[in-house]
PDB file of N, CA and C in Angstrom:
ATOM      1  N   MET A   1      33.783 -32.341 -11.271  1.00  0.00           N
ATOM      2  CA  MET A   1      34.137 -33.666 -10.804  1.00  0.00           C
ATOM      3  C   MET A   1      32.916 -34.582 -10.788  1.00  0.00           C
ATOM      4  N   ALA A   2      31.745 -34.019 -10.496  1.00  0.00           N
ATOM      5  CA  ALA A   2      30.525 -34.828 -10.448  1.00  0.00           C
ATOM      6  C   ALA A   2      30.219 -35.450 -11.805  1.00  0.00           C
ATOM      7  N   ALA A   3      30.442 -34.691 -12.884  1.00  0.00           N
ATOM      8  CA  ALA A   3      30.187 -35.218 -14.230  1.00  0.00           C
ATOM      9  C   ALA A   3      31.128 -36.372 -14.542  1.00  0.00           C
ATOM     10  N   ILE A   4      32.367 -36.262 -14.115  1.00  0.00           N
ATOM     11  CA  ILE A   4      33.333 -37.332 -14.349  1.00  0.00           C
ATOM     12  C   ILE A   4      32.953 -38.563 -13.542  1.00  0.00           C
ATOM     13  N   SER A   5      32.543 -38.369 -12.293  1.00  0.00           N
ATOM     14  CA  SER A   5      32.118 -39.498 -11.459  1.00  0.00           C
ATOM     15  C   SER A   5      30.923 -40.211 -12.082  1.00  0.00           C
ATOM     16  N   ARG A   6      29.941 -39.446 -12.576  1.00  0.00           N
ATOM     17  CA  ARG A   6      28.782 -40.052 -13.243  1.00  0.00           C
ATOM     18  C   ARG A   6      29.215 -40.823 -14.473  1.00  0.00           C
ATOM     19  N   ALA A   7      30.126 -40.253 -15.239  1.00  0.00           N
ATOM     20  CA  ALA A   7      30.605 -40.923 -16.457  1.00  0.00           C
ATOM     21  C   ALA A   7      31.286 -42.235 -16.106  1.00  0.00           C
ATOM     22  N   MET A   8      32.070 -42.239 -15.034  1.00  0.00           N
ATOM     23  CA  MET A   8      32.775 -43.457 -14.645  1.00  0.00           C
ATOM     24  C   MET A   8      31.802 -44.528 -14.140  1.00  0.00           C
ATOM     25  N   LYS A   9      30.757 -44.112 -13.443  1.00  0.00           N
ATOM     26  CA  LYS A   9      29.799 -45.075 -12.883  1.00  0.00           C
ATOM     27  C   LYS A   9      28.837 -45.615 -13.937  1.00  0.00           C
ATOM     28  N   THR A  10      28.398 -44.756 -14.831  1.00  0.00           N
ATOM     29  CA  THR A  10      27.358 -45.151 -15.783  1.00  0.00           C
ATOM     30  C   THR A  10      27.876 -45.415 -17.189  1.00  0.00           C
ATOM     31  N   GLY A  11      29.084 -44.956 -17.466  1.00  0.00           N
ATOM     32  CA  GLY A  11      29.599 -45.080 -18.829  1.00  0.00           C
ATOM     33  C   GLY A  11      29.055 -43.993 -19.740  1.00  0.00           C
ATOM     34  N   LYS A  12      28.260 -43.099 -19.179  1.00  0.00           N
ATOM     35  CA  LYS A  12      27.684 -41.996 -19.950  1.00  0.00           C
ATOM     36  C   LYS A  12      27.944 -40.706 -19.189  1.00  0.00           C
ATOM     37  N   GLY A  13      28.266 -39.669 -19.901  1.00  0.00           N
ATOM     38  CA  GLY A  13      28.539 -38.423 -19.203  1.00  0.00           C
ATOM     39  C   GLY A  13      28.184 -37.217 -20.022  1.00  0.00           C
ATOM     40  N   GLN A  14      28.314 -36.084 -19.391  1.00  0.00           N
ATOM     41  CA  GLN A  14      28.054 -34.817 -20.059  1.00  0.00           C
ATOM     42  C   GLN A  14      29.389 -34.105 -20.280  1.00  0.00           C
ATOM     43  N   ILE A  15      30.351 -34.860 -20.726  1.00  0.00           N
ATOM     44  CA  ILE A  15      31.677 -34.327 -20.987  1.00  0.00           C
ATOM     45  C   ILE A  15      31.766 -34.058 -22.483  1.00  0.00           C
ATOM     46  N   LEU A  16      32.374 -32.944 -22.844  1.00  0.00           N
ATOM     47  CA  LEU A  16      32.529 -32.635 -24.264  1.00  0.00           C
ATOM     48  C   LEU A  16      33.310 -33.730 -24.962  1.00  0.00           C
ATOM     49  N   ARG A  17      32.982 -33.981 -26.191  1.00  0.00           N
ATOM     50  CA  ARG A  17      33.679 -35.011 -26.965  1.00  0.00           C
ATOM     51  C   ARG A  17      35.175 -34.703 -26.998  1.00  0.00           C
ATOM     52  N   ASN A  18      35.962 -35.735 -26.767  1.00  0.00           N
ATOM     53  CA  ASN A  18      37.420 -35.634 -26.790  1.00  0.00           C
ATOM     54  C   ASN A  18      37.987 -34.723 -25.709  1.00  0.00           C
ATOM     55  N   GLU A  19      37.219 -34.480 -24.634  1.00  0.00           N
ATOM     56  CA  GLU A  19      37.712 -33.598 -23.586  1.00  0.00           C
ATOM     57  C   GLU A  19      37.216 -34.060 -22.227  1.00  0.00           C
ATOM     58  N   ILE A  20      38.132 -34.105 -21.287  1.00  0.00           N
ATOM     59  CA  ILE A  20      37.782 -34.357 -19.900  1.00  0.00           C
ATOM     60  C   ILE A  20      38.252 -33.136 -19.133  1.00  0.00           C
ATOM     61  N   SER A  21      37.370 -32.549 -18.365  1.00  0.00           N
ATOM     62  CA  SER A  21      37.699 -31.316 -17.675  1.00  0.00           C
ATOM     63  C   SER A  21      37.718 -31.537 -16.166  1.00  0.00           C
ATOM     64  N   CYS A  22      38.779 -31.070 -15.531  1.00  0.00           N
ATOM     65  CA  CYS A  22      38.903 -31.130 -14.079  1.00  0.00           C
ATOM     66  C   CYS A  22      39.173 -29.721 -13.573  1.00  0.00           C
ATOM     67  N   ARG A  23      38.663 -29.432 -12.387  1.00  0.00           N
ATOM     68  CA  ARG A  23      38.846 -28.097 -11.819  1.00  0.00           C
ATOM     69  C   ARG A  23      40.182 -27.919 -11.119  1.00  0.00           C
ATOM     70  N   SER A  24      40.821 -29.024 -10.778  1.00  0.00           N
ATOM     71  CA  SER A  24      42.099 -28.915 -10.079  1.00  0.00           C
ATOM     72  C   SER A  24      42.968 -30.122 -10.391  1.00  0.00           C
ATOM     73  N   MET A  25      44.239 -29.995 -10.089  1.00  0.00           N
ATOM     74  CA  MET A  25      45.174 -31.097 -10.257  1.00  0.00           C
ATOM     75  C   MET A  25      44.765 -32.270  -9.375  1.00  0.00           C
ATOM     76  N   ASP A  26      44.272 -31.993  -8.168  1.00  0.00           N
ATOM     77  CA  ASP A  26      43.829 -33.057  -7.264  1.00  0.00           C
ATOM     78  C   ASP A  26      42.700 -33.879  -7.877  1.00  0.00           C
ATOM     79  N   GLU A  27      41.738 -33.203  -8.512  1.00  0.00           N
ATOM     80  CA  GLU A  27      40.639 -33.915  -9.167  1.00  0.00           C
ATOM     81  C   GLU A  27      41.157 -34.765 -10.312  1.00  0.00           C
ATOM     82  N   MET A  28      42.095 -34.219 -11.085  1.00  0.00           N
ATOM     83  CA  MET A  28      42.626 -34.967 -12.211  1.00  0.00           C
ATOM     84  C   MET A  28      43.336 -36.233 -11.737  1.00  0.00           C
ATOM     85  N   ILE A  29      44.090 -36.117 -10.659  1.00  0.00           N
ATOM     86  CA  ILE A  29      44.834 -37.259 -10.147  1.00  0.00           C
ATOM     87  C   ILE A  29      43.880 -38.329  -9.611  1.00  0.00           C
ATOM     88  N   LYS A  30      42.731 -37.938  -9.088  1.00  0.00           N
ATOM     89  CA  LYS A  30      41.744 -38.918  -8.631  1.00  0.00           C
ATOM     90  C   LYS A  30      41.180 -39.712  -9.807  1.00  0.00           C
ATOM     91  N   VAL A  31      41.021 -39.064 -10.943  1.00  0.00           N
ATOM     92  CA  VAL A  31      40.452 -39.701 -12.127  1.00  0.00           C
ATOM     93  C   VAL A  31      41.518 -40.482 -12.896  1.00  0.00           C
ATOM     94  N   MET A  32      42.643 -39.864 -13.141  1.00  0.00           N
ATOM     95  CA  MET A  32      43.717 -40.478 -13.926  1.00  0.00           C
ATOM     96  C   MET A  32      44.892 -40.800 -13.010  1.00  0.00           C
ATOM     97  N   THR A  33      44.786 -41.913 -12.345  1.00  0.00           N
ATOM     98  CA  THR A  33      45.844 -42.351 -11.443  1.00  0.00           C
ATOM     99  C   THR A  33      47.079 -42.772 -12.247  1.00  0.00           C
ATOM    100  N   LYS A  34      48.182 -42.925 -11.554  1.00  0.00           N
ATOM    101  CA  LYS A  34      49.417 -43.378 -12.202  1.00  0.00           C
ATOM    102  C   LYS A  34      49.195 -44.728 -12.879  1.00  0.00           C
ATOM    103  N   SER A  35      48.473 -45.613 -12.214  1.00  0.00           N
ATOM    104  CA  SER A  35      48.187 -46.930 -12.771  1.00  0.00           C
ATOM    105  C   SER A  35      47.374 -46.826 -14.064  1.00  0.00           C
ATOM    106  N   ARG A  36      46.398 -45.943 -14.105  1.00  0.00           N
ATOM    107  CA  ARG A  36      45.573 -45.776 -15.314  1.00  0.00           C
ATOM    108  C   ARG A  36      46.388 -45.196 -16.465  1.00  0.00           C
ATOM    109  N   PHE A  37      47.309 -44.291 -16.163  1.00  0.00           N
ATOM    110  CA  PHE A  37      48.211 -43.793 -17.208  1.00  0.00           C
ATOM    111  C   PHE A  37      49.060 -44.925 -17.757  1.00  0.00           C
ATOM    112  N   GLN A  38      49.597 -45.755 -16.875  1.00  0.00           N
ATOM    113  CA  GLN A  38      50.423 -46.879 -17.303  1.00  0.00           C
ATOM    114  C   GLN A  38      49.618 -47.836 -18.176  1.00  0.00           C
ATOM    115  N   ILE A  39      48.384 -48.101 -17.768  1.00  0.00           N
ATOM    116  CA  ILE A  39      47.536 -49.022 -18.530  1.00  0.00           C
ATOM    117  C   ILE A  39      47.205 -48.436 -19.892  1.00  0.00           C
ATOM    118  N   PHE A  40      46.804 -47.171 -19.936  1.00  0.00           N
ATOM    119  CA  PHE A  40      46.488 -46.534 -21.218  1.00  0.00           C
ATOM    120  C   PHE A  40      47.702 -46.590 -22.142  1.00  0.00           C
ATOM    121  N   THR A  41      48.869 -46.234 -21.628  1.00  0.00           N
ATOM    122  CA  THR A  41      50.098 -46.245 -22.420  1.00  0.00           C
ATOM    123  C   THR A  41      50.408 -47.648 -22.931  1.00  0.00           C
ATOM    124  N   ALA A  42      50.250 -48.652 -22.073  1.00  0.00           N
ATOM    125  CA  ALA A  42      50.526 -50.034 -22.475  1.00  0.00           C
ATOM    126  C   ALA A  42      49.569 -50.498 -23.567  1.00  0.00           C
ATOM    127  N   VAL A  43      48.316 -50.098 -23.485  1.00  0.00           N
ATOM    128  CA  VAL A  43      47.345 -50.476 -24.523  1.00  0.00           C
ATOM    129  C   VAL A  43      47.744 -49.830 -25.856  1.00  0.00           C
ATOM    130  N   VAL A  44      48.133 -48.559 -25.828  1.00  0.00           N
ATOM    131  CA  VAL A  44      48.550 -47.866 -27.053  1.00  0.00           C
ATOM    132  C   VAL A  44      49.800 -48.525 -27.634  1.00  0.00           C
ATOM    133  N   GLU A  45      50.771 -48.830 -26.780  1.00  0.00           N
ATOM    134  CA  GLU A  45      52.061 -49.331 -27.261  1.00  0.00           C
ATOM    135  C   GLU A  45      52.042 -50.806 -27.664  1.00  0.00           C
ATOM    136  N   THR A  46      51.234 -51.633 -26.989  1.00  0.00           N
ATOM    137  CA  THR A  46      51.316 -53.080 -27.221  1.00  0.00           C
ATOM    138  C   THR A  46      50.107 -53.689 -27.907  1.00  0.00           C
ATOM    139  N   SER A  47      48.973 -52.982 -27.958  1.00  0.00           N
ATOM    140  CA  SER A  47      47.731 -53.516 -28.538  1.00  0.00           C
ATOM    141  C   SER A  47      47.472 -54.948 -28.051  1.00  0.00           C
ATOM    142  N   PRO A  48      47.280 -55.125 -26.742  1.00  0.00           N
ATOM    143  CA  PRO A  48      47.094 -56.481 -26.207  1.00  0.00           C
ATOM    144  C   PRO A  48      45.821 -57.130 -26.738  1.00  0.00           C
ATOM    145  N   ASN A  49      45.817 -58.458 -26.803  1.00  0.00           N
ATOM    146  CA  ASN A  49      44.653 -59.202 -27.282  1.00  0.00           C
ATOM    147  C   ASN A  49      43.600 -59.415 -26.209  1.00  0.00           C
ATOM    148  N   SER A  50      43.955 -59.148 -24.952  1.00  0.00           N
ATOM    149  CA  SER A  50      43.001 -59.323 -23.860  1.00  0.00           C
ATOM    150  C   SER A  50      43.474 -58.545 -22.640  1.00  0.00           C
ATOM    151  N   ILE A  51      42.563 -58.365 -21.688  1.00  0.00           N
ATOM    152  CA  ILE A  51      42.936 -57.724 -20.425  1.00  0.00           C
ATOM    153  C   ILE A  51      43.930 -58.606 -19.675  1.00  0.00           C
ATOM    154  N   THR A  52      43.764 -59.915 -19.774  1.00  0.00           N
ATOM    155  CA  THR A  52      44.703 -60.844 -19.132  1.00  0.00           C
ATOM    156  C   THR A  52      46.110 -60.653 -19.688  1.00  0.00           C
ATOM    157  N   GLU A  53      46.225 -60.536 -21.003  1.00  0.00           N
ATOM    158  CA  GLU A  53      47.529 -60.304 -21.628  1.00  0.00           C
ATOM    159  C   GLU A  53      48.114 -58.970 -21.166  1.00  0.00           C
ATOM    160  N   LEU A  54      47.276 -57.954 -21.078  1.00  0.00           N
ATOM    161  CA  LEU A  54      47.702 -56.634 -20.611  1.00  0.00           C
ATOM    162  C   LEU A  54      48.231 -56.717 -19.183  1.00  0.00           C
ATOM    163  N   ALA A  55      47.498 -57.398 -18.305  1.00  0.00           N
ATOM    164  CA  ALA A  55      47.929 -57.548 -16.910  1.00  0.00           C
ATOM    165  C   ALA A  55      49.275 -58.272 -16.837  1.00  0.00           C
ATOM    166  N   GLY A  56      49.461 -59.287 -17.662  1.00  0.00           N
ATOM    167  CA  GLY A  56      50.728 -60.007 -17.698  1.00  0.00           C
ATOM    168  C   GLY A  56      51.871 -59.126 -18.168  1.00  0.00           C
ATOM    169  N   TYR A  57      51.615 -58.343 -19.194  1.00  0.00           N
ATOM    170  CA  TYR A  57      52.629 -57.427 -19.711  1.00  0.00           C
ATOM    171  C   TYR A  57      53.056 -56.434 -18.627  1.00  0.00           C
ATOM    172  N   LEU A  58      52.074 -55.931 -17.877  1.00  0.00           N
ATOM    173  CA  LEU A  58      52.348 -54.939 -16.839  1.00  0.00           C
ATOM    174  C   LEU A  58      52.808 -55.564 -15.517  1.00  0.00           C
ATOM    175  N   ARG A  59      52.647 -56.892 -15.412  1.00  0.00           N
ATOM    176  CA  ARG A  59      52.947 -57.614 -14.164  1.00  0.00           C
ATOM    177  C   ARG A  59      52.137 -57.051 -13.007  1.00  0.00           C
ATOM    178  N   LYS A  60      50.827 -56.909 -13.280  1.00  0.00           N
ATOM    179  CA  LYS A  60      49.896 -56.385 -12.284  1.00  0.00           C
ATOM    180  C   LYS A  60      48.755 -57.369 -12.094  1.00  0.00           C
ATOM    181  N   ASP A  61      48.078 -57.245 -10.975  1.00  0.00           N
ATOM    182  CA  ASP A  61      46.942 -58.081 -10.637  1.00  0.00           C
ATOM    183  C   ASP A  61      45.819 -57.894 -11.665  1.00  0.00           C
ATOM    184  N   LEU A  62      45.273 -59.004 -12.164  1.00  0.00           N
ATOM    185  CA  LEU A  62      44.221 -58.956 -13.183  1.00  0.00           C
ATOM    186  C   LEU A  62      43.000 -58.164 -12.713  1.00  0.00           C
ATOM    187  N   GLY A  63      42.600 -58.344 -11.468  1.00  0.00           N
ATOM    188  CA  GLY A  63      41.431 -57.627 -10.940  1.00  0.00           C
ATOM    189  C   GLY A  63      41.631 -56.121 -10.934  1.00  0.00           C
ATOM    190  N   ASN A  64      42.821 -55.682 -10.522  1.00  0.00           N
ATOM    191  CA  ASN A  64      43.110 -54.243 -10.498  1.00  0.00           C
ATOM    192  C   ASN A  64      43.169 -53.672 -11.913  1.00  0.00           C
ATOM    193  N   VAL A  65      43.779 -54.407 -12.830  1.00  0.00           N
ATOM    194  CA  VAL A  65      43.859 -53.946 -14.221  1.00  0.00           C
ATOM    195  C   VAL A  65      42.455 -53.879 -14.826  1.00  0.00           C
ATOM    196  N   THR A  66      41.639 -54.882 -14.557  1.00  0.00           N
ATOM    197  CA  THR A  66      40.258 -54.889 -15.073  1.00  0.00           C
ATOM    198  C   THR A  66      39.493 -53.671 -14.570  1.00  0.00           C
ATOM    199  N   ARG A  67      39.617 -53.367 -13.281  1.00  0.00           N
ATOM    200  CA  ARG A  67      38.926 -52.210 -12.695  1.00  0.00           C
ATOM    201  C   ARG A  67      39.368 -50.919 -13.387  1.00  0.00           C
ATOM    202  N   ASP A  68      40.679 -50.762 -13.573  1.00  0.00           N
ATOM    203  CA  ASP A  68      41.184 -49.541 -14.201  1.00  0.00           C
ATOM    204  C   ASP A  68      40.830 -49.464 -15.684  1.00  0.00           C
ATOM    205  N   VAL A  69      40.829 -50.589 -16.368  1.00  0.00           N
ATOM    206  CA  VAL A  69      40.436 -50.610 -17.779  1.00  0.00           C
ATOM    207  C   VAL A  69      38.975 -50.173 -17.916  1.00  0.00           C
ATOM    208  N   LYS A  70      38.120 -50.641 -17.019  1.00  0.00           N
ATOM    209  CA  LYS A  70      36.707 -50.248 -17.069  1.00  0.00           C
ATOM    210  C   LYS A  70      36.544 -48.760 -16.771  1.00  0.00           C
ATOM    211  N   ALA A  71      37.361 -48.217 -15.866  1.00  0.00           N
ATOM    212  CA  ALA A  71      37.322 -46.779 -15.592  1.00  0.00           C
ATOM    213  C   ALA A  71      37.756 -45.993 -16.823  1.00  0.00           C
ATOM    214  N   LEU A  72      38.798 -46.457 -17.507  1.00  0.00           N
ATOM    215  CA  LEU A  72      39.257 -45.796 -18.728  1.00  0.00           C
ATOM    216  C   LEU A  72      38.213 -45.883 -19.841  1.00  0.00           C
ATOM    217  N   GLU A  73      37.481 -46.993 -19.858  1.00  0.00           N
ATOM    218  CA  GLU A  73      36.387 -47.115 -20.837  1.00  0.00           C
ATOM    219  C   GLU A  73      35.290 -46.101 -20.513  1.00  0.00           C
ATOM    220  N   ALA A  74      34.935 -45.973 -19.239  1.00  0.00           N
ATOM    221  CA  ALA A  74      33.892 -45.018 -18.836  1.00  0.00           C
ATOM    222  C   ALA A  74      34.300 -43.583 -19.145  1.00  0.00           C
ATOM    223  N   LEU A  75      35.588 -43.306 -19.103  1.00  0.00           N
ATOM    224  CA  LEU A  75      36.082 -41.970 -19.430  1.00  0.00           C
ATOM    225  C   LEU A  75      36.148 -41.731 -20.936  1.00  0.00           C
ATOM    226  N   GLY A  76      35.947 -42.785 -21.722  1.00  0.00           N
ATOM    227  CA  GLY A  76      35.963 -42.649 -23.170  1.00  0.00           C
ATOM    228  C   GLY A  76      37.348 -42.729 -23.781  1.00  0.00           C
ATOM    229  N   LEU A  77      38.319 -43.274 -23.027  1.00  0.00           N
ATOM    230  CA  LEU A  77      39.678 -43.390 -23.540  1.00  0.00           C
ATOM    231  C   LEU A  77      39.952 -44.745 -24.182  1.00  0.00           C
ATOM    232  N   LEU A  78      39.197 -45.759 -23.764  1.00  0.00           N
ATOM    233  CA  LEU A  78      39.327 -47.115 -24.302  1.00  0.00           C
ATOM    234  C   LEU A  78      37.957 -47.633 -24.681  1.00  0.00           C
ATOM    235  N   THR A  79      37.946 -48.625 -25.543  1.00  0.00           N
ATOM    236  CA  THR A  79      36.737 -49.405 -25.786  1.00  0.00           C
ATOM    237  C   THR A  79      37.105 -50.857 -25.523  1.00  0.00           C
ATOM    238  N   LEU A  80      36.135 -51.643 -25.109  1.00  0.00           N
ATOM    239  CA  LEU A  80      36.373 -53.048 -24.806  1.00  0.00           C
ATOM    240  C   LEU A  80      35.632 -53.898 -25.833  1.00  0.00           C
ATOM    241  N   GLN A  81      36.393 -54.669 -26.604  1.00  0.00           N
ATOM    242  CA  GLN A  81      35.820 -55.516 -27.637  1.00  0.00           C
ATOM    243  C   GLN A  81      35.772 -56.947 -27.127  1.00  0.00           C
ATOM    244  N   LYS A  82      34.578 -57.529 -27.150  1.00  0.00           N
ATOM    245  CA  LYS A  82      34.431 -58.920 -26.715  1.00  0.00           C
ATOM    246  C   LYS A  82      34.618 -59.836 -27.920  1.00  0.00           C
ATOM    247  N   GLU A  83      35.462 -60.836 -27.721  1.00  0.00           N
ATOM    248  CA  GLU A  83      35.762 -61.786 -28.789  1.00  0.00           C
ATOM    249  C   GLU A  83      35.775 -63.189 -28.213  1.00  0.00           C
ATOM    250  N   LYS A  84      35.535 -64.180 -29.070  1.00  0.00           N
ATOM    251  CA  LYS A  84      35.618 -65.568 -28.626  1.00  0.00           C
ATOM    252  C   LYS A  84      37.080 -65.971 -28.535  1.00  0.00           C
ATOM    253  N   GLY A  85      37.404 -66.612 -27.426  1.00  0.00           N
ATOM    254  CA  GLY A  85      38.758 -67.102 -27.220  1.00  0.00           C
ATOM    255  C   GLY A  85      38.746 -68.612 -27.080  1.00  0.00           C
ATOM    256  N   LYS A  86      39.910 -69.196 -26.843  1.00  0.00           N
ATOM    257  CA  LYS A  86      40.020 -70.641 -26.687  1.00  0.00           C
ATOM    258  C   LYS A  86      39.263 -71.148 -25.472  1.00  0.00           C
ATOM    259  N   ARG A  87      39.217 -70.329 -24.426  1.00  0.00           N
ATOM    260  CA  ARG A  87      38.563 -70.737 -23.180  1.00  0.00           C
ATOM    261  C   ARG A  87      37.322 -69.917 -22.876  1.00  0.00           C
ATOM    262  N   GLY A  88      36.656 -69.467 -23.895  1.00  0.00           N
ATOM    263  CA  GLY A  88      35.460 -68.646 -23.694  1.00  0.00           C
ATOM    264  C   GLY A  88      35.682 -67.248 -24.236  1.00  0.00           C
ATOM    265  N   GLU A  89      34.897 -66.327 -23.732  1.00  0.00           N
ATOM    266  CA  GLU A  89      34.966 -64.960 -24.227  1.00  0.00           C
ATOM    267  C   GLU A  89      36.163 -64.219 -23.631  1.00  0.00           C
ATOM    268  N   LYS A  90      36.851 -63.441 -24.475  1.00  0.00           N
ATOM    269  CA  LYS A  90      37.924 -62.593 -23.979  1.00  0.00           C
ATOM    270  C   LYS A  90      37.571 -61.142 -24.297  1.00  0.00           C
ATOM    271  N   VAL A  91      38.104 -60.252 -23.493  1.00  0.00           N
ATOM    272  CA  VAL A  91      37.834 -58.832 -23.658  1.00  0.00           C
ATOM    273  C   VAL A  91      39.131 -58.136 -24.046  1.00  0.00           C
ATOM    274  N   LYS A  92      39.096 -57.494 -25.201  1.00  0.00           N
ATOM    275  CA  LYS A  92      40.278 -56.828 -25.742  1.00  0.00           C
ATOM    276  C   LYS A  92      40.144 -55.316 -25.542  1.00  0.00           C
ATOM    277  N   PRO A  93      41.075 -54.708 -24.794  1.00  0.00           N
ATOM    278  CA  PRO A  93      41.048 -53.249 -24.655  1.00  0.00           C
ATOM    279  C   PRO A  93      41.661 -52.587 -25.886  1.00  0.00           C
ATOM    280  N   VAL A  94      40.982 -51.584 -26.417  1.00  0.00           N
ATOM    281  CA  VAL A  94      41.458 -50.874 -27.602  1.00  0.00           C
ATOM    282  C   VAL A  94      41.459 -49.378 -27.287  1.00  0.00           C
ATOM    283  N   ALA A  95      42.605 -48.742 -27.478  1.00  0.00           N
ATOM    284  CA  ALA A  95      42.720 -47.303 -27.229  1.00  0.00           C
ATOM    285  C   ALA A  95      41.972 -46.528 -28.311  1.00  0.00           C
ATOM    286  N   LEU A  96      41.216 -45.541 -27.897  1.00  0.00           N
ATOM    287  CA  LEU A  96      40.502 -44.693 -28.843  1.00  0.00           C
ATOM    288  C   LEU A  96      41.343 -43.484 -29.262  1.00  0.00           C
ATOM    289  N   TYR A  97      42.456 -43.280 -28.572  1.00  0.00           N
ATOM    290  CA  TYR A  97      43.369 -42.177 -28.855  1.00  0.00           C
ATOM    291  C   TYR A  97      44.789 -42.703 -28.759  1.00  0.00           C
ATOM    292  N   ASP A  98      45.722 -41.985 -29.336  1.00  0.00           N
ATOM    293  CA  ASP A  98      47.112 -42.415 -29.230  1.00  0.00           C
ATOM    294  C   ASP A  98      47.909 -41.564 -28.248  1.00  0.00           C
ATOM    295  N   ARG A  99      47.250 -40.599 -27.636  1.00  0.00           N
ATOM    296  CA  ARG A  99      47.915 -39.786 -26.623  1.00  0.00           C
ATOM    297  C   ARG A  99      46.898 -39.044 -25.771  1.00  0.00           C
ATOM    298  N   ILE A 100      47.380 -38.550 -24.637  1.00  0.00           N
ATOM    299  CA  ILE A 100      46.583 -37.731 -23.734  1.00  0.00           C
ATOM    300  C   ILE A 100      47.359 -36.439 -23.521  1.00  0.00           C
ATOM    301  N   LEU A 101      46.698 -35.323 -23.680  1.00  0.00           N
ATOM    302  CA  LEU A 101      47.319 -34.021 -23.465  1.00  0.00           C
ATOM    303  C   LEU A 101      46.673 -33.348 -22.267  1.00  0.00           C
ATOM    304  N   PHE A 102      47.485 -32.652 -21.486  1.00  0.00           N
ATOM    305  CA  PHE A 102      46.973 -31.890 -20.356  1.00  0.00           C
ATOM    306  C   PHE A 102      47.224 -30.420 -20.610  1.00  0.00           C
ATOM    307  N   GLU A 103      46.221 -29.644 -20.291  1.00  0.00           N
ATOM    308  CA  GLU A 103      46.328 -28.208 -20.460  1.00  0.00           C
ATOM    309  C   GLU A 103      45.967 -27.569 -19.127  1.00  0.00           C
ATOM    310  N   CYS A 104      46.800 -26.665 -18.691  1.00  0.00           N
ATOM    311  CA  CYS A 104      46.562 -26.000 -17.411  1.00  0.00           C
ATOM    312  C   CYS A 104      46.433 -24.505 -17.659  1.00  0.00           C
ATOM    313  N   GLU A 105      45.352 -23.934 -17.183  1.00  0.00           N
ATOM    314  CA  GLU A 105      45.138 -22.503 -17.325  1.00  0.00           C
ATOM    315  C   GLU A 105      45.241 -21.878 -15.939  1.00  0.00           C
ATOM    316  N   PRO A 106      46.415 -21.369 -15.605  1.00  0.00           N
ATOM    317  CA  PRO A 106      46.599 -20.803 -14.268  1.00  0.00           C
ATOM    318  C   PRO A 106      45.666 -19.618 -14.030  1.00  0.00           C
ATOM    319  N   LYS A 107      45.210 -19.521 -12.808  1.00  0.00           N
ATOM    320  CA  LYS A 107      44.360 -18.389 -12.421  1.00  0.00           C
ATOM    321  C   LYS A 107      45.240 -17.304 -11.820  1.00  0.00           C
ATOM    322  N   PRO A 108      44.874 -16.048 -12.015  1.00  0.00           N
ATOM    323  CA  PRO A 108      45.678 -14.953 -11.436  1.00  0.00           C
ATOM    324  C   PRO A 108      45.707 -15.052  -9.912  1.00  0.00           C
ATOM    325  N   LEU A 109      46.846 -14.738  -9.337  1.00  0.00           N
ATOM    326  CA  LEU A 109      46.978 -14.735  -7.886  1.00  0.00           C
ATOM    327  C   LEU A 109      46.186 -13.559  -7.306  1.00  0.00           C
ATOM    328  N   GLN A 110      45.546 -13.804  -6.174  1.00  0.00           N
ATOM    329  CA  GLN A 110      44.823 -12.739  -5.508  1.00  0.00           C
ATOM    330  C   GLN A 110      45.752 -12.087  -4.488  1.00  0.00           C
ATOM    331  N   LYS A 111      45.754 -10.784  -4.491  1.00  0.00           N
ATOM    332  CA  LYS A 111      46.594 -10.052  -3.545  1.00  0.00           C
ATOM    333  C   LYS A 111      45.987 -10.153  -2.146  1.00  0.00           C
ATOM    334  N   THR A 112      46.826 -10.288  -1.168  1.00  0.00           N
ATOM    335  CA  THR A 112      46.367 -10.338   0.218  1.00  0.00           C
ATOM    336  C   THR A 112      46.832  -9.078   0.940  1.00  0.00           C
ATOM    337  N   GLY A 113      46.001  -8.657   1.875  1.00  0.00           N
ATOM    338  CA  GLY A 113      46.337  -7.574   2.788  1.00  0.00           C
ATOM    339  C   GLY A 113      46.514  -6.298   2.161  1.00  0.00           C
TER     340      GLY A 113
END
């Protein structure tokens, strides 16, 4: 979890390419919230021209969407392309993948008593 936290804060991490590893479902849910899944899916499905457009499509607060988009960028799932817009610079979120897969490797149960 510490490596993921560092990656989210600095945009750089020691995570294997194309892989994010969590030790538990609880850790995964802290990193990939329901909102972040929705945002990632919306970026893949709609290819929005800006974060503002994405927030409008999702009917969510721009500040919250921006925060989650930056977290997804730090995790290496999105890239943010800066482009000139009519009213200044706009930031376009671009998905680096078209899907996210989860793999769970159950641990053997320990016998008690």
